[in-house]
Amino acid sequence: MKKILALVLFLGLGSSAFAADSKIEAGLGLFDGLPMASDFKDNAKSAMGFEIFADYNVADNLFVGLEFGHSFGYDYKVGNGTADEDYLGIRGKYALPLDDGFRVYGLIGIANYWLDLDNGIDESSLGCSIGLGADYDVNPNVFIGLEGRYHFSPTVDLPFGMGDVKTSHMMIGLHAGYRF
């Protein structure tokens, strides 16, 4: 249900942007989620995932947008369990164009994070993220890039005697997008 809601939100943002003849950027990214908070890093291995985003250009170099991300499961180091994580939120981006089709940007976001554990426990909480990235324009409409973000994720009660664990993590990944 969460994934369907995210897709509807992204399609809605794109439709309204076309109606207003506004410029948007939409894309897909693949990332490796690296546990960073001490308890989480000590008890879980990294997880691959994807992200969908749509950003609206509100002013020169300033964008606001929506994003949805999903990890394919953080493996516990004990107990042979996994935890999937989803997030859905808003983000702000300030992009600085450079020469030859390159640009760098800073990014902040606020999202609701859902952690789905093997033991049937689902945890949800508000969190935030900060990050840096770089894009290269393949042509005027298509861009590719890389990004690093730190997610200040919620604290959850993990199984297998791990107790309360802060699930903050770093995402490092590649993305591609299209400008409308």
Protein backbone atom coordinates (compact mmCIF):
# COMPACT_ATOMS: atom_id res chain seq x y z
CA MET A 1 0.00 0.00 0.00
CA LYS A 2 2.82 2.41 0.86
CA LYS A 3 4.44 1.81 -2.54
CA ILE A 4 1.18 2.48 -4.38
CA LEU A 5 0.68 5.72 -2.42
CA ALA A 6 4.21 6.84 -3.32
CA LEU A 7 3.67 6.11 -7.02
CA VAL A 8 0.39 8.06 -7.01
CA LEU A 9 2.09 11.03 -5.34
CA PHE A 10 4.91 11.07 -7.89
CA LEU A 11 2.56 10.79 -10.85
CA GLY A 12 0.43 13.55 -9.38
CA LEU A 13 3.44 15.86 -9.04
CA GLY A 14 4.42 15.19 -12.65
CA SER A 15 0.89 15.83 -13.93
CA SER A 16 0.56 19.13 -12.09
CA ALA A 17 3.95 20.23 -13.39
CA PHE A 18 2.91 19.53 -16.98
CA ALA A 19 -0.35 21.39 -16.45
CA ALA A 20 1.50 24.46 -15.18
CA ASP A 21 4.19 24.13 -17.89
CA SER A 22 6.81 23.95 -15.11
CA LYS A 23 10.19 22.26 -15.14
CA ILE A 24 10.58 19.08 -13.09
CA GLU A 25 13.27 16.48 -12.69
CA ALA A 26 12.30 12.87 -12.05
CA GLY A 27 14.49 9.84 -11.72
CA LEU A 28 15.52 6.56 -10.18
CA GLY A 29 18.58 5.74 -8.09
CA LEU A 30 20.24 2.57 -6.83
CA PHE A 31 22.13 2.66 -3.54
CA ASP A 32 23.97 0.69 -0.91
CA GLY A 33 22.67 1.42 2.59
CA LEU A 34 25.49 1.25 5.12
CA PRO A 35 24.51 1.05 8.82
CA MET A 36 26.24 3.94 10.62
CA ALA A 37 24.75 4.30 14.12
CA SER A 38 26.96 2.31 16.50
CA ASP A 39 24.40 -0.34 17.57
CA PHE A 40 23.00 -0.74 14.04
CA LYS A 41 26.49 -0.98 12.51
CA ASP A 42 27.48 -3.59 15.10
CA ASN A 43 24.36 -5.71 14.48
CA ALA A 44 23.49 -5.44 10.77
CA LYS A 45 25.13 -5.70 7.35
CA SER A 46 24.54 -3.30 4.45
CA ALA A 47 21.48 -3.45 2.17
CA MET A 48 20.97 -2.62 -1.50
CA GLY A 49 18.00 -0.47 -2.41
CA PHE A 50 16.38 1.96 -4.81
CA GLU A 51 14.98 5.47 -4.68
CA ILE A 52 12.41 7.29 -6.83
CA PHE A 53 12.38 11.09 -6.81
CA ALA A 54 10.62 14.03 -8.45
CA ASP A 55 11.88 17.59 -7.92
CA TYR A 56 10.19 20.85 -8.89
CA ASN A 57 12.35 23.88 -9.77
CA VAL A 58 10.89 26.66 -7.58
CA ALA A 59 13.66 29.24 -8.21
CA ASP A 60 17.11 29.50 -9.76
CA ASN A 61 19.04 26.43 -8.57
CA LEU A 62 16.45 25.65 -5.83
CA PHE A 63 14.29 22.52 -6.00
CA VAL A 64 11.68 20.92 -3.74
CA GLY A 65 10.37 17.43 -4.27
CA LEU A 66 9.07 14.07 -3.17
CA GLU A 67 11.02 10.87 -2.69
CA PHE A 68 10.41 7.22 -1.95
CA GLY A 69 13.11 4.70 -1.08
CA HIS A 70 13.21 0.97 -0.31
CA SER A 71 16.02 -1.23 0.97
CA PHE A 72 16.02 -4.93 0.14
CA GLY A 73 16.85 -6.00 3.69
CA TYR A 74 19.52 -5.34 6.26
CA ASP A 75 20.90 -8.73 7.33
CA TYR A 76 21.29 -9.16 11.09
CA LYS A 77 24.71 -10.46 12.08
CA VAL A 78 23.01 -12.70 14.67
CA GLY A 79 19.79 -14.65 14.29
CA ASN A 80 19.79 -14.82 10.47
CA GLY A 81 16.98 -12.24 10.17
CA THR A 82 16.41 -9.26 7.92
CA ALA A 83 14.79 -5.83 8.12
CA ASP A 84 13.42 -3.98 5.09
CA GLU A 85 13.20 -0.20 5.26
CA ASP A 86 11.00 2.18 3.29
CA TYR A 87 10.83 5.96 3.46
CA LEU A 88 8.50 8.52 1.92
CA GLY A 89 9.12 12.22 2.29
CA ILE A 90 9.87 15.67 1.01
CA ARG A 91 13.25 17.09 0.09
CA GLY A 92 14.97 20.34 -0.78
CA LYS A 93 17.94 20.65 -3.11
CA TYR A 94 20.23 23.53 -3.99
CA ALA A 95 22.14 22.84 -7.22
CA LEU A 96 25.21 24.76 -8.39
CA PRO A 97 25.91 24.43 -12.14
CA LEU A 98 29.55 23.99 -13.17
CA ASP A 99 31.21 23.91 -16.60
CA ASP A 100 30.70 21.23 -19.25
CA GLY A 101 27.30 19.93 -18.05
CA PHE A 102 28.29 19.17 -14.46
CA ARG A 103 26.52 20.39 -11.34
CA VAL A 104 26.92 19.75 -7.63
CA TYR A 105 24.18 19.98 -5.02
CA GLY A 106 23.31 19.84 -1.37
CA LEU A 107 20.20 18.03 -0.22
CA ILE A 108 18.04 17.90 2.92
CA GLY A 109 14.96 15.79 3.52
CA ILE A 110 12.25 14.90 6.02
CA ALA A 111 10.60 11.51 5.70
CA ASN A 112 8.55 8.89 7.47
CA TYR A 113 10.62 5.69 7.80
CA TRP A 114 9.08 2.20 8.06
CA LEU A 115 11.17 -0.73 9.24
CA ASP A 116 9.62 -4.15 8.60
CA LEU A 117 11.28 -6.83 10.74
CA ASP A 118 11.25 -10.60 10.23
CA ASN A 119 9.64 -11.12 13.62
CA GLY A 120 6.48 -9.31 12.46
CA ILE A 121 7.27 -6.04 14.17
CA ASP A 122 6.72 -2.94 12.02
CA GLU A 123 8.20 0.29 13.32
CA SER A 124 7.47 3.73 11.87
CA SER A 125 8.87 7.13 12.78
CA LEU A 126 9.80 10.52 11.38
CA GLY A 127 13.43 11.08 10.42
CA CYS A 128 15.57 13.35 8.28
CA SER A 129 18.54 13.24 5.92
CA ILE A 130 21.35 15.42 4.57
CA GLY A 131 23.54 14.78 1.57
CA LEU A 132 25.73 15.88 -1.30
CA GLY A 133 25.65 14.86 -4.94
CA ALA A 134 26.88 15.56 -8.45
CA ASP A 135 25.15 15.26 -11.83
CA TYR A 136 26.33 15.21 -15.41
CA ASP A 137 24.04 16.20 -18.31
CA VAL A 138 24.09 13.48 -20.95
CA ASN A 139 21.90 15.81 -23.06
CA PRO A 140 19.62 18.75 -22.15
CA ASN A 141 16.96 16.40 -20.73
CA VAL A 142 18.84 13.36 -19.40
CA PHE A 143 21.26 13.40 -16.46
CA ILE A 144 23.24 10.83 -14.48
CA GLY A 145 24.96 11.24 -11.16
CA LEU A 146 26.07 10.00 -7.79
CA GLU A 147 24.95 10.89 -4.30
CA GLY A 148 25.83 10.31 -0.68
CA ARG A 149 23.25 10.86 2.07
CA TYR A 150 23.13 10.34 5.80
CA HIS A 151 19.69 9.29 7.08
CA PHE A 152 18.89 10.02 10.73
CA SER A 153 16.43 7.13 10.98
CA PRO A 154 14.24 6.07 13.92
CA THR A 155 15.19 3.96 16.92
CA VAL A 156 13.58 0.49 16.79
CA ASP A 157 13.43 -2.55 19.04
CA LEU A 158 15.24 -5.25 17.05
CA PRO A 159 14.76 -8.97 17.73
CA PHE A 160 17.32 -11.54 18.84
CA GLY A 161 18.14 -9.66 22.05
CA MET A 162 19.59 -6.62 20.27
CA GLY A 163 17.21 -4.23 22.06
CA ASP A 164 16.62 -0.62 21.03
CA VAL A 165 18.81 0.28 18.06
CA LYS A 166 19.15 3.61 16.26
CA THR A 167 18.89 2.69 12.55
CA SER A 168 20.74 5.71 11.08
CA HIS A 169 22.55 4.83 7.88
CA MET A 170 24.53 6.25 4.95
CA MET A 171 23.30 5.76 1.39
CA ILE A 172 25.82 5.87 -1.43
CA GLY A 173 24.46 5.43 -4.90
CA LEU A 174 24.03 6.21 -8.56
CA HIS A 175 21.00 7.77 -10.21
CA ALA A 176 19.61 8.76 -13.59
CA GLY A 177 16.84 11.19 -14.36
CA TYR A 178 14.90 13.15 -16.93
CA ARG A 179 14.03 16.88 -17.03
CA PHE A 180 10.56 17.85 -18.25
